[in-house]
Amino acid sequence: MFFLEGEFFEPTKKMRHLILLDILSQNPSTRQNILCKYTKTSNAMVNKYLHELRSDGLIEFVPVDKKSIMYKLTAVGVAEKDKLMKLYQSELAKYYELMCFVCARPDM
């Protein structure tokens, strides 16, 4: 979804928060094992991130039944997701501009 496979761009905690918020905004019932695949972290780390998002007021844990939890974004969570997405897109655009400049140099 957001990660490029490679050696130069390591995901940050902020990036993983964005990924979780984005996925959960589309499907609040996403299971933790699926969230692990998207964030490329362990179940323990996803659980930690989810609790951080909840303590920051960005998501709510809503029990569905005895075994399932739904992770619902709050209004603050939606606003944070939108803010992080804009920052992410802006950063990508800067990298793209830099690469266009570097590749256009005659000595390259």
Protein backbone atom coordinates (compact mmCIF):
# COMPACT_ATOMS: atom_id res chain seq x y z
CA MET A 1 0.00 0.00 0.00
CA PHE A 2 2.47 2.67 1.15
CA PHE A 3 5.80 0.90 1.34
CA LEU A 4 8.27 0.56 -1.45
CA GLU A 5 10.42 -2.53 -1.28
CA GLY A 6 14.00 -1.39 -1.16
CA GLU A 7 16.94 -0.35 0.90
CA PHE A 8 16.58 3.43 1.16
CA PHE A 9 13.19 4.09 2.70
CA GLU A 10 12.59 2.63 6.13
CA PRO A 11 9.08 2.98 7.56
CA THR A 12 8.68 5.16 10.62
CA LYS A 13 6.26 4.94 13.50
CA LYS A 14 4.35 7.87 11.99
CA MET A 15 4.08 6.00 8.69
CA ARG A 16 2.77 2.92 10.43
CA HIS A 17 0.20 5.03 12.27
CA LEU A 18 -0.92 6.45 8.92
CA ILE A 19 -1.23 2.98 7.43
CA LEU A 20 -3.30 1.76 10.37
CA LEU A 21 -5.57 4.80 10.31
CA ASP A 22 -6.05 4.53 6.55
CA ILE A 23 -6.88 0.81 6.61
CA LEU A 24 -9.18 1.12 9.60
CA SER A 25 -10.99 4.08 8.04
CA GLN A 26 -11.90 1.79 5.14
CA ASN A 27 -12.55 -1.37 7.15
CA PRO A 28 -12.81 -1.05 10.95
CA SER A 29 -13.15 -4.83 11.26
CA THR A 30 -9.71 -5.56 9.80
CA ARG A 31 -8.01 -8.27 11.83
CA GLN A 32 -4.65 -7.69 13.47
CA ASN A 33 -2.90 -10.34 11.38
CA ILE A 34 -3.86 -8.39 8.24
CA LEU A 35 -2.67 -5.14 9.84
CA CYS A 36 0.67 -6.87 10.52
CA LYS A 37 1.10 -7.57 6.81
CA TYR A 38 0.42 -3.96 5.80
CA THR A 39 2.64 -2.43 8.49
CA LYS A 40 5.32 -5.13 8.15
CA THR A 41 5.50 -5.55 11.91
CA SER A 42 4.69 -8.23 14.45
CA ASN A 43 1.32 -8.74 16.09
CA ALA A 44 2.76 -7.35 19.33
CA MET A 45 3.83 -4.11 17.59
CA VAL A 46 0.46 -3.71 15.86
CA ASN A 47 -1.24 -4.20 19.22
CA LYS A 48 1.05 -1.56 20.75
CA TYR A 49 0.32 0.90 17.93
CA LEU A 50 -3.43 0.31 18.24
CA HIS A 51 -3.28 1.05 21.96
CA GLU A 52 -1.27 4.21 21.26
CA LEU A 53 -3.87 5.36 18.74
CA ARG A 54 -6.61 4.66 21.27
CA SER A 55 -4.83 6.52 24.08
CA ASP A 56 -4.37 9.48 21.71
CA GLY A 57 -8.12 9.48 21.07
CA LEU A 58 -7.74 8.55 17.39
CA ILE A 59 -9.57 5.21 17.49
CA GLU A 60 -12.06 3.43 19.71
CA PHE A 61 -12.10 -0.30 20.45
CA VAL A 62 -15.64 -1.53 19.85
CA PRO A 63 -16.34 -5.14 20.87
CA VAL A 64 -18.20 -7.08 18.18
CA ASP A 65 -18.42 -10.38 20.03
CA LYS A 66 -16.33 -12.34 22.53
CA LYS A 67 -13.47 -12.78 20.04
CA SER A 68 -13.62 -9.77 17.73
CA ILE A 69 -12.95 -6.07 18.11
CA MET A 70 -13.72 -3.32 15.64
CA TYR A 71 -11.34 -0.33 15.53
CA LYS A 72 -13.42 2.74 14.79
CA LEU A 73 -11.77 6.05 13.91
CA THR A 74 -12.92 9.02 15.95
CA ALA A 75 -13.43 12.45 14.39
CA VAL A 76 -9.97 13.34 15.72
CA GLY A 77 -8.63 10.16 14.10
CA VAL A 78 -10.10 11.07 10.71
CA ALA A 79 -8.55 14.54 10.94
CA GLU A 80 -5.17 13.06 11.93
CA LYS A 81 -5.31 10.55 9.05
CA ASP A 82 -6.03 13.37 6.60
CA LYS A 83 -3.20 15.49 8.04
CA LEU A 84 -0.70 12.62 7.90
CA MET A 85 -1.77 11.73 4.35
CA LYS A 86 -1.16 15.32 3.18
CA LEU A 87 2.27 15.33 4.82
CA TYR A 88 3.09 11.98 3.21
CA GLN A 89 2.00 13.16 -0.23
CA SER A 90 3.94 16.39 0.16
CA GLU A 91 7.07 14.49 1.11
CA LEU A 92 6.68 12.14 -1.86
CA ALA A 93 6.30 15.13 -4.19
CA LYS A 94 9.53 16.63 -2.83
CA TYR A 95 11.40 13.38 -3.45
CA TYR A 96 9.96 13.20 -6.95
CA GLU A 97 11.04 16.78 -7.73
CA LEU A 98 14.51 16.05 -6.40
CA MET A 99 14.84 12.92 -8.53
CA CYS A 100 13.64 14.80 -11.63
CA PHE A 101 16.29 17.46 -10.97
CA VAL A 102 19.04 14.89 -10.39
CA CYS A 103 18.12 12.85 -13.47
CA ALA A 104 17.96 15.96 -15.69
CA ARG A 105 21.51 16.99 -14.85
CA PRO A 106 23.79 16.70 -17.88
CA ASP A 107 26.54 14.97 -15.90
CA MET A 108 24.22 12.07 -15.00
